[in-house]
Amino acid sequence: MKKHKLNHEKTPKGILSSLVLRLGVFAVIIVCIAMIISNQSTLAEKQQELAEIQAKKAMLQAENVRLSRELESDEYSYMENYALNYLNYAYPNERRFYDTSRN
């Protein structure tokens, strides 16, 4: 029986392919790390936006509750004041004068 001697010496082609493979794996790892960092910064921005939106939502809900209470209170004076001042309603036979010189 013949014993085959194993050739442990790498050929230049083998060294080059091994180097290219290692560089490729290294590049993939770098790209993955960059993507993770990018996603983390985007996540932080979105969480900040969410916190701002939730704060605005809470403020609007509180205002909505306040306005609902005012409408349900059935206060005639409030409705009358709103109609006269904001909706520009007038009583019958009432004359309203508006200053148009400020345009």
PDB file of N, CA and C in Angstrom:
ATOM      1  N   MET A   1       0.808  -1.173   0.000  1.00  0.00           N
ATOM      2  CA  MET A   1       0.000   0.000   0.000  1.00  0.00           C
ATOM      3  C   MET A   1       0.861   1.250   0.000  1.00  0.00           C
ATOM      4  N   LYS A   2       0.399   2.178  -0.815  1.00  0.00           N
ATOM      5  CA  LYS A   2       1.125   3.438  -0.897  1.00  0.00           C
ATOM      6  C   LYS A   2       0.468   4.461   0.010  1.00  0.00           C
ATOM      7  N   LYS A   3       1.280   5.161   0.689  1.00  0.00           N
ATOM      8  CA  LYS A   3       0.758   6.244   1.509  1.00  0.00           C
ATOM      9  C   LYS A   3       0.845   7.521   0.699  1.00  0.00           C
ATOM     10  N   HIS A   4      -0.260   8.193   0.692  1.00  0.00           N
ATOM     11  CA  HIS A   4      -0.286   9.466  -0.031  1.00  0.00           C
ATOM     12  C   HIS A   4       0.107  10.581   0.913  1.00  0.00           C
ATOM     13  N   LYS A   5       0.969  11.331   0.422  1.00  0.00           N
ATOM     14  CA  LYS A   5       1.423  12.460   1.209  1.00  0.00           C
ATOM     15  C   LYS A   5       0.453  13.625   0.965  1.00  0.00           C
ATOM     16  N   LEU A   6      -0.054  14.188   2.024  1.00  0.00           N
ATOM     17  CA  LEU A   6      -0.968  15.318   1.889  1.00  0.00           C
ATOM     18  C   LEU A   6      -0.162  16.580   1.656  1.00  0.00           C
ATOM     19  N   ASN A   7      -0.616  17.339   0.703  1.00  0.00           N
ATOM     20  CA  ASN A   7       0.066  18.577   0.362  1.00  0.00           C
ATOM     21  C   ASN A   7      -0.597  19.712   1.138  1.00  0.00           C
ATOM     22  N   HIS A   8       0.061  20.184   2.162  1.00  0.00           N
ATOM     23  CA  HIS A   8      -0.493  21.248   2.986  1.00  0.00           C
ATOM     24  C   HIS A   8      -0.111  22.625   2.477  1.00  0.00           C
ATOM     25  N   GLU A   9       0.672  22.687   1.492  1.00  0.00           N
ATOM     26  CA  GLU A   9       1.063  23.978   0.942  1.00  0.00           C
ATOM     27  C   GLU A   9      -0.080  24.513   0.092  1.00  0.00           C
ATOM     28  N   LYS A  10      -0.394  25.781   0.286  1.00  0.00           N
ATOM     29  CA  LYS A  10      -1.477  26.387  -0.487  1.00  0.00           C
ATOM     30  C   LYS A  10      -0.903  26.981  -1.750  1.00  0.00           C
ATOM     31  N   THR A  11      -1.673  26.849  -2.782  1.00  0.00           N
ATOM     32  CA  THR A  11      -1.267  27.423  -4.054  1.00  0.00           C
ATOM     33  C   THR A  11      -1.636  28.896  -4.045  1.00  0.00           C
ATOM     34  N   PRO A  12      -1.034  29.696  -4.903  1.00  0.00           N
ATOM     35  CA  PRO A  12      -1.399  31.118  -4.960  1.00  0.00           C
ATOM     36  C   PRO A  12      -2.885  31.315  -5.256  1.00  0.00           C
ATOM     37  N   LYS A  13      -3.465  30.431  -6.052  1.00  0.00           N
ATOM     38  CA  LYS A  13      -4.884  30.545  -6.368  1.00  0.00           C
ATOM     39  C   LYS A  13      -5.717  30.277  -5.117  1.00  0.00           C
ATOM     40  N   GLY A  14      -5.321  29.321  -4.312  1.00  0.00           N
ATOM     41  CA  GLY A  14      -6.026  29.010  -3.075  1.00  0.00           C
ATOM     42  C   GLY A  14      -5.912  30.127  -2.061  1.00  0.00           C
ATOM     43  N   ILE A  15      -4.752  30.738  -1.986  1.00  0.00           N
ATOM     44  CA  ILE A  15      -4.552  31.858  -1.064  1.00  0.00           C
ATOM     45  C   ILE A  15      -5.418  33.036  -1.481  1.00  0.00           C
ATOM     46  N   LEU A  16      -5.470  33.295  -2.788  1.00  0.00           N
ATOM     47  CA  LEU A  16      -6.266  34.409  -3.305  1.00  0.00           C
ATOM     48  C   LEU A  16      -7.751  34.179  -3.056  1.00  0.00           C
ATOM     49  N   SER A  17      -8.232  32.969  -3.323  1.00  0.00           N
ATOM     50  CA  SER A  17      -9.656  32.700  -3.112  1.00  0.00           C
ATOM     51  C   SER A  17     -10.002  32.758  -1.628  1.00  0.00           C
ATOM     52  N   SER A  18      -9.107  32.310  -0.766  1.00  0.00           N
ATOM     53  CA  SER A  18      -9.335  32.385   0.671  1.00  0.00           C
ATOM     54  C   SER A  18      -9.380  33.841   1.129  1.00  0.00           C
ATOM     55  N   LEU A  19      -8.496  34.660   0.596  1.00  0.00           N
ATOM     56  CA  LEU A  19      -8.462  36.075   0.941  1.00  0.00           C
ATOM     57  C   LEU A  19      -9.729  36.787   0.469  1.00  0.00           C
ATOM     58  N   VAL A  20     -10.162  36.479  -0.747  1.00  0.00           N
ATOM     59  CA  VAL A  20     -11.384  37.088  -1.285  1.00  0.00           C
ATOM     60  C   VAL A  20     -12.583  36.671  -0.446  1.00  0.00           C
ATOM     61  N   LEU A  21     -12.629  35.401  -0.048  1.00  0.00           N
ATOM     62  CA  LEU A  21     -13.729  34.917   0.779  1.00  0.00           C
ATOM     63  C   LEU A  21     -13.745  35.632   2.130  1.00  0.00           C
ATOM     64  N   ARG A  22     -12.598  35.779   2.752  1.00  0.00           N
ATOM     65  CA  ARG A  22     -12.524  36.468   4.040  1.00  0.00           C
ATOM     66  C   ARG A  22     -12.916  37.940   3.913  1.00  0.00           C
ATOM     67  N   LEU A  23     -12.447  38.586   2.850  1.00  0.00           N
ATOM     68  CA  LEU A  23     -12.820  39.988   2.629  1.00  0.00           C
ATOM     69  C   LEU A  23     -14.320  40.121   2.382  1.00  0.00           C
ATOM     70  N   GLY A  24     -14.886  39.170   1.646  1.00  0.00           N
ATOM     71  CA  GLY A  24     -16.325  39.192   1.385  1.00  0.00           C
ATOM     72  C   GLY A  24     -17.122  39.042   2.665  1.00  0.00           C
ATOM     73  N   VAL A  25     -16.729  38.103   3.511  1.00  0.00           N
ATOM     74  CA  VAL A  25     -17.413  37.905   4.790  1.00  0.00           C
ATOM     75  C   VAL A  25     -17.264  39.151   5.661  1.00  0.00           C
ATOM     76  N   PHE A  26     -16.075  39.724   5.688  1.00  0.00           N
ATOM     77  CA  PHE A  26     -15.833  40.943   6.462  1.00  0.00           C
ATOM     78  C   PHE A  26     -16.713  42.088   5.955  1.00  0.00           C
ATOM     79  N   ALA A  27     -16.827  42.217   4.634  1.00  0.00           N
ATOM     80  CA  ALA A  27     -17.658  43.278   4.051  1.00  0.00           C
ATOM     81  C   ALA A  27     -19.124  43.074   4.417  1.00  0.00           C
ATOM     82  N   VAL A  28     -19.596  41.838   4.380  1.00  0.00           N
ATOM     83  CA  VAL A  28     -20.988  41.549   4.740  1.00  0.00           C
ATOM     84  C   VAL A  28     -21.233  41.897   6.207  1.00  0.00           C
ATOM     85  N   ILE A  29     -20.285  41.569   7.063  1.00  0.00           N
ATOM     86  CA  ILE A  29     -20.431  41.889   8.490  1.00  0.00           C
ATOM     87  C   ILE A  29     -20.475  43.402   8.696  1.00  0.00           C
ATOM     88  N   ILE A  30     -19.614  44.136   8.008  1.00  0.00           N
ATOM     89  CA  ILE A  30     -19.601  45.604   8.124  1.00  0.00           C
ATOM     90  C   ILE A  30     -20.928  46.189   7.649  1.00  0.00           C
ATOM     91  N   VAL A  31     -21.449  45.689   6.531  1.00  0.00           N
ATOM     92  CA  VAL A  31     -22.729  46.185   6.007  1.00  0.00           C
ATOM     93  C   VAL A  31     -23.850  45.888   6.997  1.00  0.00           C
ATOM     94  N   CYS A  32     -23.853  44.700   7.581  1.00  0.00           N
ATOM     95  CA  CYS A  32     -24.883  44.347   8.564  1.00  0.00           C
ATOM     96  C   CYS A  32     -24.811  45.254   9.790  1.00  0.00           C
ATOM     97  N   ILE A  33     -23.610  45.534  10.260  1.00  0.00           N
ATOM     98  CA  ILE A  33     -23.455  46.423  11.415  1.00  0.00           C
ATOM     99  C   ILE A  33     -23.944  47.827  11.073  1.00  0.00           C
ATOM    100  N   ALA A  34     -23.621  48.300   9.877  1.00  0.00           N
ATOM    101  CA  ALA A  34     -24.079  49.630   9.456  1.00  0.00           C
ATOM    102  C   ALA A  34     -25.602  49.677   9.377  1.00  0.00           C
ATOM    103  N   MET A  35     -26.214  48.617   8.880  1.00  0.00           N
ATOM    104  CA  MET A  35     -27.676  48.579   8.784  1.00  0.00           C
ATOM    105  C   MET A  35     -28.311  48.553  10.173  1.00  0.00           C
ATOM    106  N   ILE A  36     -27.715  47.824  11.094  1.00  0.00           N
ATOM    107  CA  ILE A  36     -28.245  47.772  12.456  1.00  0.00           C
ATOM    108  C   ILE A  36     -28.170  49.151  13.104  1.00  0.00           C
ATOM    109  N   ILE A  37     -27.050  49.836  12.939  1.00  0.00           N
ATOM    110  CA  ILE A  37     -26.897  51.183  13.509  1.00  0.00           C
ATOM    111  C   ILE A  37     -27.908  52.139  12.884  1.00  0.00           C
ATOM    112  N   SER A  38     -28.084  52.037  11.572  1.00  0.00           N
ATOM    113  CA  SER A  38     -29.049  52.897  10.881  1.00  0.00           C
ATOM    114  C   SER A  38     -30.464  52.628  11.386  1.00  0.00           C
ATOM    115  N   ASN A  39     -30.800  51.359  11.538  1.00  0.00           N
ATOM    116  CA  ASN A  39     -32.134  51.010  12.026  1.00  0.00           C
ATOM    117  C   ASN A  39     -32.345  51.483  13.459  1.00  0.00           C
ATOM    118  N   GLN A  40     -31.313  51.427  14.281  1.00  0.00           N
ATOM    119  CA  GLN A  40     -31.437  51.886  15.661  1.00  0.00           C
ATOM    120  C   GLN A  40     -31.682  53.394  15.721  1.00  0.00           C
ATOM    121  N   SER A  41     -30.984  54.146  14.874  1.00  0.00           N
ATOM    122  CA  SER A  41     -31.198  55.598  14.881  1.00  0.00           C
ATOM    123  C   SER A  41     -32.591  55.938  14.356  1.00  0.00           C
ATOM    124  N   THR A  42     -33.042  55.218  13.333  1.00  0.00           N
ATOM    125  CA  THR A  42     -34.393  55.430  12.812  1.00  0.00           C
ATOM    126  C   THR A  42     -35.428  55.077  13.872  1.00  0.00           C
ATOM    127  N   LEU A  43     -35.193  54.002  14.593  1.00  0.00           N
ATOM    128  CA  LEU A  43     -36.100  53.588  15.654  1.00  0.00           C
ATOM    129  C   LEU A  43     -36.183  54.650  16.746  1.00  0.00           C
ATOM    130  N   ALA A  44     -35.058  55.222  17.117  1.00  0.00           N
ATOM    131  CA  ALA A  44     -35.054  56.273  18.141  1.00  0.00           C
ATOM    132  C   ALA A  44     -35.847  57.492  17.670  1.00  0.00           C
ATOM    133  N   GLU A  45     -35.682  57.867  16.404  1.00  0.00           N
ATOM    134  CA  GLU A  45     -36.432  59.004  15.855  1.00  0.00           C
ATOM    135  C   GLU A  45     -37.926  58.716  15.861  1.00  0.00           C
ATOM    136  N   LYS A  46     -38.294  57.515  15.446  1.00  0.00           N
ATOM    137  CA  LYS A  46     -39.715  57.160  15.389  1.00  0.00           C
ATOM    138  C   LYS A  46     -40.322  57.090  16.788  1.00  0.00           C
ATOM    139  N   GLN A  47     -39.555  56.628  17.773  1.00  0.00           N
ATOM    140  CA  GLN A  47     -40.065  56.599  19.140  1.00  0.00           C
ATOM    141  C   GLN A  47     -40.279  58.013  19.665  1.00  0.00           C
ATOM    142  N   GLN A  48     -39.396  58.937  19.300  1.00  0.00           N
ATOM    143  CA  GLN A  48     -39.569  60.328  19.707  1.00  0.00           C
ATOM    144  C   GLN A  48     -40.809  60.921  19.038  1.00  0.00           C
ATOM    145  N   GLU A  49     -40.998  60.636  17.755  1.00  0.00           N
ATOM    146  CA  GLU A  49     -42.192  61.117  17.057  1.00  0.00           C
ATOM    147  C   GLU A  49     -43.451  60.543  17.691  1.00  0.00           C
ATOM    148  N   LEU A  50     -43.405  59.259  18.054  1.00  0.00           N
ATOM    149  CA  LEU A  50     -44.555  58.622  18.687  1.00  0.00           C
ATOM    150  C   LEU A  50     -44.881  59.288  20.018  1.00  0.00           C
ATOM    151  N   ALA A  51     -43.866  59.597  20.802  1.00  0.00           N
ATOM    152  CA  ALA A  51     -44.094  60.266  22.088  1.00  0.00           C
ATOM    153  C   ALA A  51     -44.729  61.637  21.875  1.00  0.00           C
ATOM    154  N   GLU A  52     -44.256  62.376  20.866  1.00  0.00           N
ATOM    155  CA  GLU A  52     -44.833  63.692  20.571  1.00  0.00           C
ATOM    156  C   GLU A  52     -46.282  63.559  20.121  1.00  0.00           C
ATOM    157  N   ILE A  53     -46.552  62.576  19.284  1.00  0.00           N
ATOM    158  CA  ILE A  53     -47.918  62.375  18.789  1.00  0.00           C
ATOM    159  C   ILE A  53     -48.837  61.950  19.925  1.00  0.00           C
ATOM    160  N   GLN A  54     -48.352  61.099  20.820  1.00  0.00           N
ATOM    161  CA  GLN A  54     -49.180  60.676  21.949  1.00  0.00           C
ATOM    162  C   GLN A  54     -49.467  61.841  22.887  1.00  0.00           C
ATOM    163  N   ALA A  55     -48.496  62.723  23.079  1.00  0.00           N
ATOM    164  CA  ALA A  55     -48.726  63.907  23.912  1.00  0.00           C
ATOM    165  C   ALA A  55     -49.768  64.816  23.265  1.00  0.00           C
ATOM    166  N   LYS A  56     -49.655  64.987  21.948  1.00  0.00           N
ATOM    167  CA  LYS A  56     -50.631  65.812  21.230  1.00  0.00           C
ATOM    168  C   LYS A  56     -52.013  65.171  21.288  1.00  0.00           C
ATOM    169  N   LYS A  57     -52.055  63.848  21.186  1.00  0.00           N
ATOM    170  CA  LYS A  57     -53.326  63.127  21.258  1.00  0.00           C
ATOM    171  C   LYS A  57     -53.981  63.345  22.615  1.00  0.00           C
ATOM    172  N   ALA A  58     -53.199  63.256  23.683  1.00  0.00           N
ATOM    173  CA  ALA A  58     -53.738  63.458  25.028  1.00  0.00           C
ATOM    174  C   ALA A  58     -54.274  64.877  25.186  1.00  0.00           C
ATOM    175  N   MET A  59     -53.545  65.850  24.642  1.00  0.00           N
ATOM    176  CA  MET A  59     -53.989  67.236  24.726  1.00  0.00           C
ATOM    177  C   MET A  59     -55.302  67.428  23.962  1.00  0.00           C
ATOM    178  N   LEU A  60     -55.384  66.850  22.766  1.00  0.00           N
ATOM    179  CA  LEU A  60     -56.596  66.995  21.967  1.00  0.00           C
ATOM    180  C   LEU A  60     -57.779  66.270  22.603  1.00  0.00           C
ATOM    181  N   GLN A  61     -57.513  65.128  23.230  1.00  0.00           N
ATOM    182  CA  GLN A  61     -58.597  64.419  23.910  1.00  0.00           C
ATOM    183  C   GLN A  61     -59.118  65.233  25.087  1.00  0.00           C
ATOM    184  N   ALA A  62     -58.214  65.873  25.823  1.00  0.00           N
ATOM    185  CA  ALA A  62     -58.642  66.715  26.944  1.00  0.00           C
ATOM    186  C   ALA A  62     -59.471  67.895  26.439  1.00  0.00           C
ATOM    187  N   GLU A  63     -59.035  68.489  25.341  1.00  0.00           N
ATOM    188  CA  GLU A  63     -59.803  69.596  24.765  1.00  0.00           C
ATOM    189  C   GLU A  63     -61.158  69.114  24.259  1.00  0.00           C
ATOM    190  N   ASN A  64     -61.180  67.923  23.687  1.00  0.00           N
ATOM    191  CA  ASN A  64     -62.431  67.355  23.196  1.00  0.00           C
ATOM    192  C   ASN A  64     -63.402  67.114  24.351  1.00  0.00           C
ATOM    193  N   VAL A  65     -62.895  66.616  25.465  1.00  0.00           N
ATOM    194  CA  VAL A  65     -63.747  66.405  26.641  1.00  0.00           C
ATOM    195  C   VAL A  65     -64.293  67.741  27.132  1.00  0.00           C
ATOM    196  N   ARG A  66     -63.438  68.760  27.180  1.00  0.00           N
ATOM    197  CA  ARG A  66     -63.873  70.086  27.631  1.00  0.00           C
ATOM    198  C   ARG A  66     -64.966  70.642  26.722  1.00  0.00           C
ATOM    199  N   LEU A  67     -64.753  70.521  25.415  1.00  0.00           N
ATOM    200  CA  LEU A  67     -65.752  71.034  24.475  1.00  0.00           C
ATOM    201  C   LEU A  67     -67.045  70.235  24.543  1.00  0.00           C
ATOM    202  N   SER A  68     -66.939  68.940  24.746  1.00  0.00           N
ATOM    203  CA  SER A  68     -68.144  68.110  24.875  1.00  0.00           C
ATOM    204  C   SER A  68     -68.946  68.515  26.104  1.00  0.00           C
ATOM    205  N   ARG A  69     -68.254  68.788  27.202  1.00  0.00           N
ATOM    206  CA  ARG A  69     -68.948  69.236  28.416  1.00  0.00           C
ATOM    207  C   ARG A  69     -69.652  70.563  28.180  1.00  0.00           C
ATOM    208  N   GLU A  70     -69.000  71.458  27.459  1.00  0.00           N
ATOM    209  CA  GLU A  70     -69.622  72.756  27.185  1.00  0.00           C
ATOM    210  C   GLU A  70     -70.861  72.594  26.319  1.00  0.00           C
ATOM    211  N   LEU A  71     -70.796  71.699  25.353  1.00  0.00           N
ATOM    212  CA  LEU A  71     -71.961  71.499  24.494  1.00  0.00           C
ATOM    213  C   LEU A  71     -73.089  70.787  25.229  1.00  0.00           C
ATOM    214  N   GLU A  72     -72.738  69.867  26.106  1.00  0.00           N
ATOM    215  CA  GLU A  72     -73.761  69.123  26.838  1.00  0.00           C
ATOM    216  C   GLU A  72     -74.357  69.937  27.982  1.00  0.00           C
ATOM    217  N   SER A  73     -73.675  70.972  28.412  1.00  0.00           N
ATOM    218  CA  SER A  73     -74.168  71.753  29.544  1.00  0.00           C
ATOM    219  C   SER A  73     -75.427  72.529  29.182  1.00  0.00           C
ATOM    220  N   ASP A  74     -75.658  72.698  27.902  1.00  0.00           N
ATOM    221  CA  ASP A  74     -76.863  73.362  27.405  1.00  0.00           C
ATOM    222  C   ASP A  74     -76.985  74.779  27.962  1.00  0.00           C
ATOM    223  N   GLU A  75     -75.856  75.445  28.066  1.00  0.00           N
ATOM    224  CA  GLU A  75     -75.868  76.827  28.514  1.00  0.00           C
ATOM    225  C   GLU A  75     -76.196  77.717  27.326  1.00  0.00           C
ATOM    226  N   TYR A  76     -77.285  78.382  27.446  1.00  0.00           N
ATOM    227  CA  TYR A  76     -77.741  79.229  26.359  1.00  0.00           C
ATOM    228  C   TYR A  76     -76.779  80.383  26.122  1.00  0.00           C
ATOM    229  N   SER A  77     -76.235  80.959  27.176  1.00  0.00           N
ATOM    230  CA  SER A  77     -75.369  82.128  27.016  1.00  0.00           C
ATOM    231  C   SER A  77     -74.086  81.772  26.262  1.00  0.00           C
ATOM    232  N   TYR A  78     -73.552  80.594  26.527  1.00  0.00           N
ATOM    233  CA  TYR A  78     -72.342  80.191  25.810  1.00  0.00           C
ATOM    234  C   TYR A  78     -72.637  80.039  24.324  1.00  0.00           C
ATOM    235  N   MET A  79     -73.718  79.367  23.997  1.00  0.00           N
ATOM    236  CA  MET A  79     -74.075  79.163  22.590  1.00  0.00           C
ATOM    237  C   MET A  79     -74.391  80.488  21.908  1.00  0.00           C
ATOM    238  N   GLU A  80     -75.055  81.358  22.623  1.00  0.00           N
ATOM    239  CA  GLU A  80     -75.385  82.664  22.064  1.00  0.00           C
ATOM    240  C   GLU A  80     -74.110  83.459  21.789  1.00  0.00           C
ATOM    241  N   ASN A  81     -73.209  83.479  22.731  1.00  0.00           N
ATOM    242  CA  ASN A  81     -71.948  84.197  22.576  1.00  0.00           C
ATOM    243  C   ASN A  81     -71.149  83.630  21.403  1.00  0.00           C
ATOM    244  N   TYR A  82     -71.092  82.334  21.299  1.00  0.00           N
ATOM    245  CA  TYR A  82     -70.350  81.699  20.210  1.00  0.00           C
ATOM    246  C   TYR A  82     -70.975  82.051  18.858  1.00  0.00           C
ATOM    247  N   ALA A  83     -72.288  81.990  18.771  1.00  0.00           N
ATOM    248  CA  ALA A  83     -72.971  82.295  17.513  1.00  0.00           C
ATOM    249  C   ALA A  83     -72.767  83.749  17.107  1.00  0.00           C
ATOM    250  N   LEU A  84     -72.827  84.652  18.061  1.00  0.00           N
ATOM    251  CA  LEU A  84     -72.681  86.070  17.737  1.00  0.00           C
ATOM    252  C   LEU A  84     -71.242  86.435  17.389  1.00  0.00           C
ATOM    253  N   ASN A  85     -70.279  85.919  18.134  1.00  0.00           N
ATOM    254  CA  ASN A  85     -68.891  86.351  17.969  1.00  0.00           C
ATOM    255  C   ASN A  85     -68.097  85.541  16.951  1.00  0.00           C
ATOM    256  N   TYR A  86     -68.353  84.264  16.853  1.00  0.00           N
ATOM    257  CA  TYR A  86     -67.531  83.428  15.977  1.00  0.00           C
ATOM    258  C   TYR A  86     -68.228  83.053  14.669  1.00  0.00           C
ATOM    259  N   LEU A  87     -69.529  82.894  14.715  1.00  0.00           N
ATOM    260  CA  LEU A  87     -70.260  82.519  13.502  1.00  0.00           C
ATOM    261  C   LEU A  87     -70.885  83.721  12.809  1.00  0.00           C
ATOM    262  N   ASN A  88     -70.731  84.886  13.423  1.00  0.00           N
ATOM    263  CA  ASN A  88     -71.244  86.152  12.869  1.00  0.00           C
ATOM    264  C   ASN A  88     -72.755  86.143  12.664  1.00  0.00           C
ATOM    265  N   TYR A  89     -73.445  85.487  13.564  1.00  0.00           N
ATOM    266  CA  TYR A  89     -74.900  85.550  13.535  1.00  0.00           C
ATOM    267  C   TYR A  89     -75.331  86.890  14.119  1.00  0.00           C
ATOM    268  N   ALA A  90     -76.595  87.242  13.890  1.00  0.00           N
ATOM    269  CA  ALA A  90     -77.130  88.486  14.442  1.00  0.00           C
ATOM    270  C   ALA A  90     -78.586  88.257  14.824  1.00  0.00           C
ATOM    271  N   TYR A  91     -79.048  89.108  15.728  1.00  0.00           N
ATOM    272  CA  TYR A  91     -80.461  89.054  16.090  1.00  0.00           C
ATOM    273  C   TYR A  91     -81.275  89.652  14.952  1.00  0.00           C
ATOM    274  N   PRO A  92     -82.554  89.303  14.882  1.00  0.00           N
ATOM    275  CA  PRO A  92     -83.395  89.940  13.858  1.00  0.00           C
ATOM    276  C   PRO A  92     -83.425  91.460  14.072  1.00  0.00           C
ATOM    277  N   ASN A  93     -83.390  92.179  12.998  1.00  0.00           N
ATOM    278  CA  ASN A  93     -83.400  93.648  12.986  1.00  0.00           C
ATOM    279  C   ASN A  93     -82.172  94.250  13.667  1.00  0.00           C
ATOM    280  N   GLU A  94     -81.104  93.498  13.798  1.00  0.00           N
ATOM    281  CA  GLU A  94     -79.869  94.014  14.383  1.00  0.00           C
ATOM    282  C   GLU A  94     -78.934  94.403  13.248  1.00  0.00           C
ATOM    283  N   ARG A  95     -78.295  95.549  13.387  1.00  0.00           N
ATOM    284  CA  ARG A  95     -77.326  95.982  12.390  1.00  0.00           C
ATOM    285  C   ARG A  95     -75.927  95.748  12.934  1.00  0.00           C
ATOM    286  N   ARG A  96     -75.097  95.156  12.109  1.00  0.00           N
ATOM    287  CA  ARG A  96     -73.711  94.901  12.499  1.00  0.00           C
ATOM    288  C   ARG A  96     -72.811  95.712  11.589  1.00  0.00           C
ATOM    289  N   PHE A  97     -71.828  96.334  12.174  1.00  0.00           N
ATOM    290  CA  PHE A  97     -70.883  97.130  11.416  1.00  0.00           C
ATOM    291  C   PHE A  97     -69.501  96.499  11.565  1.00  0.00           C
ATOM    292  N   TYR A  98     -68.823  96.339  10.445  1.00  0.00           N
ATOM    293  CA  TYR A  98     -67.493  95.732  10.441  1.00  0.00           C
ATOM    294  C   TYR A  98     -66.485  96.730   9.900  1.00  0.00           C
ATOM    295  N   ASP A  99     -65.350  96.793  10.530  1.00  0.00           N
ATOM    296  CA  ASP A  99     -64.281  97.676  10.093  1.00  0.00           C
ATOM    297  C   ASP A  99     -63.517  96.968   8.982  1.00  0.00           C
ATOM    298  N   THR A 100     -63.672  97.448   7.763  1.00  0.00           N
ATOM    299  CA  THR A 100     -62.997  96.830   6.619  1.00  0.00           C
ATOM    300  C   THR A 100     -61.768  97.616   6.189  1.00  0.00           C
ATOM    301  N   SER A 101     -61.437  98.670   6.906  1.00  0.00           N
ATOM    302  CA  SER A 101     -60.286  99.484   6.514  1.00  0.00           C
ATOM    303  C   SER A 101     -58.959  98.823   6.886  1.00  0.00           C
ATOM    304  N   ARG A 102     -58.973  97.778   7.697  1.00  0.00           N
ATOM    305  CA  ARG A 102     -57.742  97.122   8.129  1.00  0.00           C
ATOM    306  C   ARG A 102     -57.256  96.078   7.134  1.00  0.00           C
ATOM    307  N   ASN A 103     -57.900  95.917   6.032  1.00  0.00           N
ATOM    308  CA  ASN A 103     -57.483  94.913   5.049  1.00  0.00           C
ATOM    309  C   ASN A 103     -56.263  95.376   4.407  1.00  0.00           C
TER     310      ASN A 103
END
